[in-house]
Amino acid sequence: MHNRRLEQKPITPASLPQQAHWFSPNHYQNTYQAQRTLAAALPAIHYGIDGVPMVGYEHALTEAVSIGYLLGQGYDYQTAVNTVQSWWRPS
């Protein structure tokens, strides 16, 4: 059976900006909705990046995306983090 986790190569993730101003001011996608979405997702992204050394890329990405999904469902950030952590980590 093929196991991707065993083949992970150490990669240093690119550093992300502290704010979600990723588009140039004149870029057509630089909309209020884009900035608002990126700003809302940024804490989950940083959570995932911070988790990579402890749980690996696949698991950290799964947690970050799950947190982002729960944020979209109306959960506040800390409740989303606690909920996702409870799925894998004993309380």
PDB file of N, CA and C in Angstrom:
ATOM      1  N   MET A   1       0.840  -1.182   0.000  1.00  0.00           N
ATOM      2  CA  MET A   1       0.000   0.000   0.000  1.00  0.00           C
ATOM      3  C   MET A   1       0.880   1.239   0.000  1.00  0.00           C
ATOM      4  N   HIS A   2       0.513   2.206  -0.778  1.00  0.00           N
ATOM      5  CA  HIS A   2       1.275   3.444  -0.921  1.00  0.00           C
ATOM      6  C   HIS A   2       0.968   4.373   0.249  1.00  0.00           C
ATOM      7  N   ASN A   3       2.002   4.838   0.937  1.00  0.00           N
ATOM      8  CA  ASN A   3       1.807   5.717   2.089  1.00  0.00           C
ATOM      9  C   ASN A   3       2.496   7.044   1.833  1.00  0.00           C
ATOM     10  N   ARG A   4       1.685   8.093   1.575  1.00  0.00           N
ATOM     11  CA  ARG A   4       2.244   9.409   1.266  1.00  0.00           C
ATOM     12  C   ARG A   4       2.986  10.007   2.448  1.00  0.00           C
ATOM     13  N   ARG A   5       2.571   9.686   3.656  1.00  0.00           N
ATOM     14  CA  ARG A   5       3.198  10.285   4.829  1.00  0.00           C
ATOM     15  C   ARG A   5       4.661   9.893   4.949  1.00  0.00           C
ATOM     16  N   LEU A   6       5.000   8.686   4.531  1.00  0.00           N
ATOM     17  CA  LEU A   6       6.376   8.247   4.624  1.00  0.00           C
ATOM     18  C   LEU A   6       7.259   8.957   3.604  1.00  0.00           C
ATOM     19  N   GLU A   7       6.651   9.478   2.545  1.00  0.00           N
ATOM     20  CA  GLU A   7       7.410  10.125   1.493  1.00  0.00           C
ATOM     21  C   GLU A   7       7.496  11.633   1.659  1.00  0.00           C
ATOM     22  N   GLN A   8       6.954  12.178   2.740  1.00  0.00           N
ATOM     23  CA  GLN A   8       6.990  13.622   2.912  1.00  0.00           C
ATOM     24  C   GLN A   8       8.428  14.103   3.014  1.00  0.00           C
ATOM     25  N   LYS A   9       8.737  15.103   2.236  1.00  0.00           N
ATOM     26  CA  LYS A   9      10.050  15.715   2.286  1.00  0.00           C
ATOM     27  C   LYS A   9       9.936  16.973   3.124  1.00  0.00           C
ATOM     28  N   PRO A  10      10.959  17.267   3.907  1.00  0.00           N
ATOM     29  CA  PRO A  10      10.881  18.493   4.701  1.00  0.00           C
ATOM     30  C   PRO A  10      10.810  19.719   3.793  1.00  0.00           C
ATOM     31  N   ILE A  11       9.770  20.504   3.998  1.00  0.00           N
ATOM     32  CA  ILE A  11       9.562  21.719   3.221  1.00  0.00           C
ATOM     33  C   ILE A  11       9.321  22.849   4.214  1.00  0.00           C
ATOM     34  N   THR A  12       9.996  23.933   4.014  1.00  0.00           N
ATOM     35  CA  THR A  12       9.759  25.095   4.851  1.00  0.00           C
ATOM     36  C   THR A  12       8.657  25.909   4.200  1.00  0.00           C
ATOM     37  N   PRO A  13       7.498  26.042   4.876  1.00  0.00           N
ATOM     38  CA  PRO A  13       6.417  26.796   4.252  1.00  0.00           C
ATOM     39  C   PRO A  13       6.796  28.261   4.096  1.00  0.00           C
ATOM     40  N   ALA A  14       6.283  28.868   3.052  1.00  0.00           N
ATOM     41  CA  ALA A  14       6.519  30.292   2.847  1.00  0.00           C
ATOM     42  C   ALA A  14       5.856  31.066   3.971  1.00  0.00           C
ATOM     43  N   SER A  15       6.493  32.112   4.396  1.00  0.00           N
ATOM     44  CA  SER A  15       5.896  32.899   5.460  1.00  0.00           C
ATOM     45  C   SER A  15       4.699  33.664   4.905  1.00  0.00           C
ATOM     46  N   LEU A  16       3.678  33.766   5.710  1.00  0.00           N
ATOM     47  CA  LEU A  16       2.474  34.472   5.315  1.00  0.00           C
ATOM     48  C   LEU A  16       2.480  35.863   5.920  1.00  0.00           C
ATOM     49  N   PRO A  17       1.841  36.793   5.263  1.00  0.00           N
ATOM     50  CA  PRO A  17       1.759  38.126   5.843  1.00  0.00           C
ATOM     51  C   PRO A  17       0.912  38.099   7.103  1.00  0.00           C
ATOM     52  N   GLN A  18       1.120  39.058   7.964  1.00  0.00           N
ATOM     53  CA  GLN A  18       0.349  39.132   9.198  1.00  0.00           C
ATOM     54  C   GLN A  18      -1.081  39.576   8.935  1.00  0.00           C
ATOM     55  N   GLN A  19      -1.324  40.230   7.811  1.00  0.00           N
ATOM     56  CA  GLN A  19      -2.650  40.657   7.442  1.00  0.00           C
ATOM     57  C   GLN A  19      -2.983  40.083   6.080  1.00  0.00           C
ATOM     58  N   ALA A  20      -4.249  40.046   5.779  1.00  0.00           N
ATOM     59  CA  ALA A  20      -4.687  39.458   4.510  1.00  0.00           C
ATOM     60  C   ALA A  20      -4.759  40.503   3.406  1.00  0.00           C
ATOM     61  N   HIS A  21      -3.659  41.184   3.119  1.00  0.00           N
ATOM     62  CA  HIS A  21      -3.592  42.137   2.021  1.00  0.00           C
ATOM     63  C   HIS A  21      -2.699  41.532   0.947  1.00  0.00           C
ATOM     64  N   TRP A  22      -3.182  40.483   0.331  1.00  0.00           N
ATOM     65  CA  TRP A  22      -2.373  39.703  -0.591  1.00  0.00           C
ATOM     66  C   TRP A  22      -2.492  40.149  -2.032  1.00  0.00           C
ATOM     67  N   PHE A  23      -3.469  40.977  -2.342  1.00  0.00           N
ATOM     68  CA  PHE A  23      -3.654  41.414  -3.714  1.00  0.00           C
ATOM     69  C   PHE A  23      -3.100  42.821  -3.874  1.00  0.00           C
ATOM     70  N   SER A  24      -2.600  43.116  -5.031  1.00  0.00           N
ATOM     71  CA  SER A  24      -2.152  44.483  -5.276  1.00  0.00           C
ATOM     72  C   SER A  24      -3.387  45.391  -5.327  1.00  0.00           C
ATOM     73  N   PRO A  25      -3.232  46.643  -4.975  1.00  0.00           N
ATOM     74  CA  PRO A  25      -4.389  47.541  -4.909  1.00  0.00           C
ATOM     75  C   PRO A  25      -5.166  47.654  -6.220  1.00  0.00           C
ATOM     76  N   ASN A  26      -4.501  47.491  -7.350  1.00  0.00           N
ATOM     77  CA  ASN A  26      -5.185  47.651  -8.637  1.00  0.00           C
ATOM     78  C   ASN A  26      -5.652  46.330  -9.241  1.00  0.00           C
ATOM     79  N   HIS A  27      -5.461  45.256  -8.541  1.00  0.00           N
ATOM     80  CA  HIS A  27      -5.846  43.948  -9.069  1.00  0.00           C
ATOM     81  C   HIS A  27      -7.357  43.810  -9.023  1.00  0.00           C
ATOM     82  N   TYR A  28      -7.936  43.243 -10.082  1.00  0.00           N
ATOM     83  CA  TYR A  28      -9.397  43.164 -10.166  1.00  0.00           C
ATOM     84  C   TYR A  28     -10.012  42.291  -9.077  1.00  0.00           C
ATOM     85  N   GLN A  29      -9.244  41.388  -8.476  1.00  0.00           N
ATOM     86  CA  GLN A  29      -9.798  40.526  -7.433  1.00  0.00           C
ATOM     87  C   GLN A  29      -9.688  41.150  -6.049  1.00  0.00           C
ATOM     88  N   ASN A  30      -9.116  42.312  -5.947  1.00  0.00           N
ATOM     89  CA  ASN A  30      -8.956  42.954  -4.650  1.00  0.00           C
ATOM     90  C   ASN A  30     -10.290  43.569  -4.243  1.00  0.00           C
ATOM     91  N   THR A  31     -11.189  42.724  -3.793  1.00  0.00           N
ATOM     92  CA  THR A  31     -12.524  43.157  -3.405  1.00  0.00           C
ATOM     93  C   THR A  31     -12.670  43.093  -1.895  1.00  0.00           C
ATOM     94  N   TYR A  32     -13.663  43.756  -1.413  1.00  0.00           N
ATOM     95  CA  TYR A  32     -13.958  43.705   0.019  1.00  0.00           C
ATOM     96  C   TYR A  32     -14.224  42.263   0.445  1.00  0.00           C
ATOM     97  N   GLN A  33     -14.966  41.524  -0.358  1.00  0.00           N
ATOM     98  CA  GLN A  33     -15.282  40.134  -0.019  1.00  0.00           C
ATOM     99  C   GLN A  33     -14.013  39.284   0.041  1.00  0.00           C
ATOM    100  N   ALA A  34     -13.099  39.477  -0.891  1.00  0.00           N
ATOM    101  CA  ALA A  34     -11.854  38.711  -0.883  1.00  0.00           C
ATOM    102  C   ALA A  34     -11.051  39.026   0.373  1.00  0.00           C
ATOM    103  N   GLN A  35     -10.911  40.293   0.698  1.00  0.00           N
ATOM    104  CA  GLN A  35     -10.150  40.681   1.883  1.00  0.00           C
ATOM    105  C   GLN A  35     -10.805  40.152   3.158  1.00  0.00           C
ATOM    106  N   ARG A  36     -12.127  40.237   3.231  1.00  0.00           N
ATOM    107  CA  ARG A  36     -12.852  39.760   4.407  1.00  0.00           C
ATOM    108  C   ARG A  36     -12.692  38.243   4.568  1.00  0.00           C
ATOM    109  N   THR A  37     -12.782  37.524   3.458  1.00  0.00           N
ATOM    110  CA  THR A  37     -12.635  36.060   3.489  1.00  0.00           C
ATOM    111  C   THR A  37     -11.235  35.674   3.924  1.00  0.00           C
ATOM    112  N   LEU A  38     -10.225  36.304   3.335  1.00  0.00           N
ATOM    113  CA  LEU A  38      -8.847  35.979   3.688  1.00  0.00           C
ATOM    114  C   LEU A  38      -8.546  36.339   5.138  1.00  0.00           C
ATOM    115  N   ALA A  39      -9.065  37.459   5.595  1.00  0.00           N
ATOM    116  CA  ALA A  39      -8.848  37.858   6.986  1.00  0.00           C
ATOM    117  C   ALA A  39      -9.490  36.861   7.942  1.00  0.00           C
ATOM    118  N   ALA A  40     -10.656  36.343   7.585  1.00  0.00           N
ATOM    119  CA  ALA A  40     -11.335  35.366   8.439  1.00  0.00           C
ATOM    120  C   ALA A  40     -10.599  34.024   8.447  1.00  0.00           C
ATOM    121  N   ALA A  41     -10.000  33.665   7.316  1.00  0.00           N
ATOM    122  CA  ALA A  41      -9.316  32.373   7.200  1.00  0.00           C
ATOM    123  C   ALA A  41      -7.902  32.392   7.768  1.00  0.00           C
ATOM    124  N   LEU A  42      -7.295  33.561   7.870  1.00  0.00           N
ATOM    125  CA  LEU A  42      -5.900  33.665   8.270  1.00  0.00           C
ATOM    126  C   LEU A  42      -5.580  32.982   9.603  1.00  0.00           C
ATOM    127  N   PRO A  43      -6.393  33.108  10.662  1.00  0.00           N
ATOM    128  CA  PRO A  43      -6.067  32.394  11.904  1.00  0.00           C
ATOM    129  C   PRO A  43      -6.017  30.866  11.722  1.00  0.00           C
ATOM    130  N   ALA A  44      -6.925  30.311  10.930  1.00  0.00           N
ATOM    131  CA  ALA A  44      -6.910  28.868  10.687  1.00  0.00           C
ATOM    132  C   ALA A  44      -5.675  28.465   9.882  1.00  0.00           C
ATOM    133  N   ILE A  45      -5.273  29.313   8.947  1.00  0.00           N
ATOM    134  CA  ILE A  45      -4.074  29.039   8.155  1.00  0.00           C
ATOM    135  C   ILE A  45      -2.844  29.015   9.051  1.00  0.00           C
ATOM    136  N   HIS A  46      -2.717  30.023   9.903  1.00  0.00           N
ATOM    137  CA  HIS A  46      -1.573  30.067  10.817  1.00  0.00           C
ATOM    138  C   HIS A  46      -1.603  28.895  11.800  1.00  0.00           C
ATOM    139  N   TYR A  47      -2.793  28.511  12.252  1.00  0.00           N
ATOM    140  CA  TYR A  47      -2.932  27.350  13.129  1.00  0.00           C
ATOM    141  C   TYR A  47      -2.365  26.105  12.432  1.00  0.00           C
ATOM    142  N   GLY A  48      -2.729  25.912  11.174  1.00  0.00           N
ATOM    143  CA  GLY A  48      -2.238  24.754  10.430  1.00  0.00           C
ATOM    144  C   GLY A  48      -0.734  24.779  10.247  1.00  0.00           C
ATOM    145  N   ILE A  49      -0.188  25.932   9.896  1.00  0.00           N
ATOM    146  CA  ILE A  49       1.264  26.045   9.707  1.00  0.00           C
ATOM    147  C   ILE A  49       1.996  25.755  11.012  1.00  0.00           C
ATOM    148  N   ASP A  50       1.487  26.286  12.103  1.00  0.00           N
ATOM    149  CA  ASP A  50       2.118  26.049  13.406  1.00  0.00           C
ATOM    150  C   ASP A  50       2.056  24.577  13.810  1.00  0.00           C
ATOM    151  N   GLY A  51       1.050  23.847  13.331  1.00  0.00           N
ATOM    152  CA  GLY A  51       0.892  22.446  13.707  1.00  0.00           C
ATOM    153  C   GLY A  51       1.734  21.474  12.913  1.00  0.00           C
ATOM    154  N   VAL A  52       2.296  21.915  11.797  1.00  0.00           N
ATOM    155  CA  VAL A  52       3.059  21.007  10.917  1.00  0.00           C
ATOM    156  C   VAL A  52       4.167  20.255  11.652  1.00  0.00           C
ATOM    157  N   PRO A  53       5.014  20.908  12.450  1.00  0.00           N
ATOM    158  CA  PRO A  53       6.093  20.150  13.105  1.00  0.00           C
ATOM    159  C   PRO A  53       5.588  19.066  14.059  1.00  0.00           C
ATOM    160  N   MET A  54       4.407  19.259  14.625  1.00  0.00           N
ATOM    161  CA  MET A  54       3.893  18.284  15.596  1.00  0.00           C
ATOM    162  C   MET A  54       3.117  17.139  14.953  1.00  0.00           C
ATOM    163  N   VAL A  55       2.323  17.446  13.906  1.00  0.00           N
ATOM    164  CA  VAL A  55       1.423  16.419  13.375  1.00  0.00           C
ATOM    165  C   VAL A  55       1.631  16.120  11.902  1.00  0.00           C
ATOM    166  N   GLY A  56       2.490  16.862  11.222  1.00  0.00           N
ATOM    167  CA  GLY A  56       2.738  16.632   9.804  1.00  0.00           C
ATOM    168  C   GLY A  56       1.803  17.464   8.931  1.00  0.00           C
ATOM    169  N   TYR A  57       2.175  17.567   7.651  1.00  0.00           N
ATOM    170  CA  TYR A  57       1.449  18.426   6.723  1.00  0.00           C
ATOM    171  C   TYR A  57       0.006  17.989   6.504  1.00  0.00           C
ATOM    172  N   GLU A  58      -0.213  16.715   6.238  1.00  0.00           N
ATOM    173  CA  GLU A  58      -1.559  16.253   5.909  1.00  0.00           C
ATOM    174  C   GLU A  58      -2.527  16.480   7.060  1.00  0.00           C
ATOM    175  N   HIS A  59      -2.114  16.131   8.257  1.00  0.00           N
ATOM    176  CA  HIS A  59      -2.990  16.289   9.415  1.00  0.00           C
ATOM    177  C   HIS A  59      -3.204  17.770   9.732  1.00  0.00           C
ATOM    178  N   ALA A  60      -2.139  18.569   9.671  1.00  0.00           N
ATOM    179  CA  ALA A  60      -2.255  20.003   9.956  1.00  0.00           C
ATOM    180  C   ALA A  60      -3.186  20.677   8.952  1.00  0.00           C
ATOM    181  N   LEU A  61      -3.079  20.304   7.682  1.00  0.00           N
ATOM    182  CA  LEU A  61      -3.960  20.868   6.664  1.00  0.00           C
ATOM    183  C   LEU A  61      -5.400  20.439   6.905  1.00  0.00           C
ATOM    184  N   THR A  62      -5.592  19.186   7.279  1.00  0.00           N
ATOM    185  CA  THR A  62      -6.941  18.698   7.575  1.00  0.00           C
ATOM    186  C   THR A  62      -7.555  19.491   8.726  1.00  0.00           C
ATOM    187  N   GLU A  63      -6.784  19.723   9.776  1.00  0.00           N
ATOM    188  CA  GLU A  63      -7.290  20.494  10.906  1.00  0.00           C
ATOM    189  C   GLU A  63      -7.596  21.933  10.486  1.00  0.00           C
ATOM    190  N   ALA A  64      -6.703  22.563   9.741  1.00  0.00           N
ATOM    191  CA  ALA A  64      -6.906  23.954   9.339  1.00  0.00           C
ATOM    192  C   ALA A  64      -8.146  24.105   8.468  1.00  0.00           C
ATOM    193  N   VAL A  65      -8.326  23.196   7.525  1.00  0.00           N
ATOM    194  CA  VAL A  65      -9.506  23.258   6.657  1.00  0.00           C
ATOM    195  C   VAL A  65     -10.773  23.001   7.466  1.00  0.00           C
ATOM    196  N   SER A  66     -10.717  22.071   8.395  1.00  0.00           N
ATOM    197  CA  SER A  66     -11.878  21.787   9.241  1.00  0.00           C
ATOM    198  C   SER A  66     -12.246  22.998  10.091  1.00  0.00           C
ATOM    199  N   ILE A  67     -11.245  23.661  10.634  1.00  0.00           N
ATOM    200  CA  ILE A  67     -11.499  24.876  11.416  1.00  0.00           C
ATOM    201  C   ILE A  67     -12.131  25.941  10.519  1.00  0.00           C
ATOM    202  N   GLY A  68     -11.593  26.111   9.327  1.00  0.00           N
ATOM    203  CA  GLY A  68     -12.157  27.073   8.384  1.00  0.00           C
ATOM    204  C   GLY A  68     -13.603  26.763   8.035  1.00  0.00           C
ATOM    205  N   TYR A  69     -13.891  25.487   7.854  1.00  0.00           N
ATOM    206  CA  TYR A  69     -15.269  25.082   7.560  1.00  0.00           C
ATOM    207  C   TYR A  69     -16.198  25.446   8.716  1.00  0.00           C
ATOM    208  N   LEU A  70     -15.770  25.140   9.940  1.00  0.00           N
ATOM    209  CA  LEU A  70     -16.601  25.460  11.100  1.00  0.00           C
ATOM    210  C   LEU A  70     -16.778  26.969  11.264  1.00  0.00           C
ATOM    211  N   LEU A  71     -15.739  27.745  10.955  1.00  0.00           N
ATOM    212  CA  LEU A  71     -15.876  29.202  10.986  1.00  0.00           C
ATOM    213  C   LEU A  71     -16.965  29.642  10.003  1.00  0.00           C
ATOM    214  N   GLY A  72     -16.972  29.031   8.838  1.00  0.00           N
ATOM    215  CA  GLY A  72     -17.996  29.338   7.832  1.00  0.00           C
ATOM    216  C   GLY A  72     -19.392  28.931   8.261  1.00  0.00           C
ATOM    217  N   GLN A  73     -19.467  27.975   9.167  1.00  0.00           N
ATOM    218  CA  GLN A  73     -20.755  27.533   9.682  1.00  0.00           C
ATOM    219  C   GLN A  73     -21.235  28.385  10.854  1.00  0.00           C
ATOM    220  N   GLY A  74     -20.430  29.387  11.242  1.00  0.00           N
ATOM    221  CA  GLY A  74     -20.835  30.304  12.288  1.00  0.00           C
ATOM    222  C   GLY A  74     -20.180  30.093  13.641  1.00  0.00           C
ATOM    223  N   TYR A  75     -19.291  29.104  13.760  1.00  0.00           N
ATOM    224  CA  TYR A  75     -18.582  28.896  15.016  1.00  0.00           C
ATOM    225  C   TYR A  75     -17.605  30.048  15.237  1.00  0.00           C
ATOM    226  N   ASP A  76     -17.372  30.430  16.485  1.00  0.00           N
ATOM    227  CA  ASP A  76     -16.296  31.370  16.747  1.00  0.00           C
ATOM    228  C   ASP A  76     -14.985  30.590  16.675  1.00  0.00           C
ATOM    229  N   TYR A  77     -13.864  31.310  16.534  1.00  0.00           N
ATOM    230  CA  TYR A  77     -12.576  30.664  16.287  1.00  0.00           C
ATOM    231  C   TYR A  77     -12.212  29.652  17.372  1.00  0.00           C
ATOM    232  N   GLN A  78     -12.297  30.037  18.645  1.00  0.00           N
ATOM    233  CA  GLN A  78     -11.859  29.136  19.712  1.00  0.00           C
ATOM    234  C   GLN A  78     -12.731  27.891  19.797  1.00  0.00           C
ATOM    235  N   THR A  79     -14.028  28.026  19.579  1.00  0.00           N
ATOM    236  CA  THR A  79     -14.923  26.864  19.585  1.00  0.00           C
ATOM    237  C   THR A  79     -14.589  25.942  18.420  1.00  0.00           C
ATOM    238  N   ALA A  80     -14.288  26.525  17.267  1.00  0.00           N
ATOM    239  CA  ALA A  80     -13.912  25.711  16.105  1.00  0.00           C
ATOM    240  C   ALA A  80     -12.629  24.935  16.390  1.00  0.00           C
ATOM    241  N   VAL A  81     -11.624  25.605  16.962  1.00  0.00           N
ATOM    242  CA  VAL A  81     -10.359  24.932  17.299  1.00  0.00           C
ATOM    243  C   VAL A  81     -10.611  23.821  18.311  1.00  0.00           C
ATOM    244  N   ASN A  82     -11.343  24.117  19.364  1.00  0.00           N
ATOM    245  CA  ASN A  82     -11.615  23.104  20.391  1.00  0.00           C
ATOM    246  C   ASN A  82     -12.371  21.916  19.822  1.00  0.00           C
ATOM    247  N   THR A  83     -13.315  22.179  18.943  1.00  0.00           N
ATOM    248  CA  THR A  83     -14.094  21.101  18.326  1.00  0.00           C
ATOM    249  C   THR A  83     -13.198  20.199  17.491  1.00  0.00           C
ATOM    250  N   VAL A  84     -12.375  20.803  16.641  1.00  0.00           N
ATOM    251  CA  VAL A  84     -11.491  20.014  15.772  1.00  0.00           C
ATOM    252  C   VAL A  84     -10.468  19.248  16.604  1.00  0.00           C
ATOM    253  N   GLN A  85      -9.902  19.882  17.606  1.00  0.00           N
ATOM    254  CA  GLN A  85      -8.930  19.189  18.454  1.00  0.00           C
ATOM    255  C   GLN A  85      -9.574  18.005  19.169  1.00  0.00           C
ATOM    256  N   SER A  86     -10.841  18.122  19.535  1.00  0.00           N
ATOM    257  CA  SER A  86     -11.497  17.033  20.258  1.00  0.00           C
ATOM    258  C   SER A  86     -11.662  15.781  19.406  1.00  0.00           C
ATOM    259  N   TRP A  87     -11.601  15.932  18.091  1.00  0.00           N
ATOM    260  CA  TRP A  87     -11.736  14.772  17.218  1.00  0.00           C
ATOM    261  C   TRP A  87     -10.511  13.869  17.275  1.00  0.00           C
ATOM    262  N   TRP A  88      -9.347  14.427  17.565  1.00  0.00           N
ATOM    263  CA  TRP A  88      -8.103  13.641  17.546  1.00  0.00           C
ATOM    264  C   TRP A  88      -7.361  13.617  18.862  1.00  0.00           C
ATOM    265  N   ARG A  89      -7.593  14.588  19.677  1.00  0.00           N
ATOM    266  CA  ARG A  89      -6.800  14.707  20.908  1.00  0.00           C
ATOM    267  C   ARG A  89      -7.680  14.483  22.120  1.00  0.00           C
ATOM    268  N   PRO A  90      -7.215  13.667  23.041  1.00  0.00           N
ATOM    269  CA  PRO A  90      -8.044  13.441  24.240  1.00  0.00           C
ATOM    270  C   PRO A  90      -8.205  14.729  25.045  1.00  0.00           C
ATOM    271  N   SER A  91      -9.381  14.881  25.663  1.00  0.00           N
ATOM    272  CA  SER A  91      -9.613  16.104  26.448  1.00  0.00           C
ATOM    273  C   SER A  91      -9.133  15.965  27.860  1.00  0.00           C
TER     274      SER A  91
END
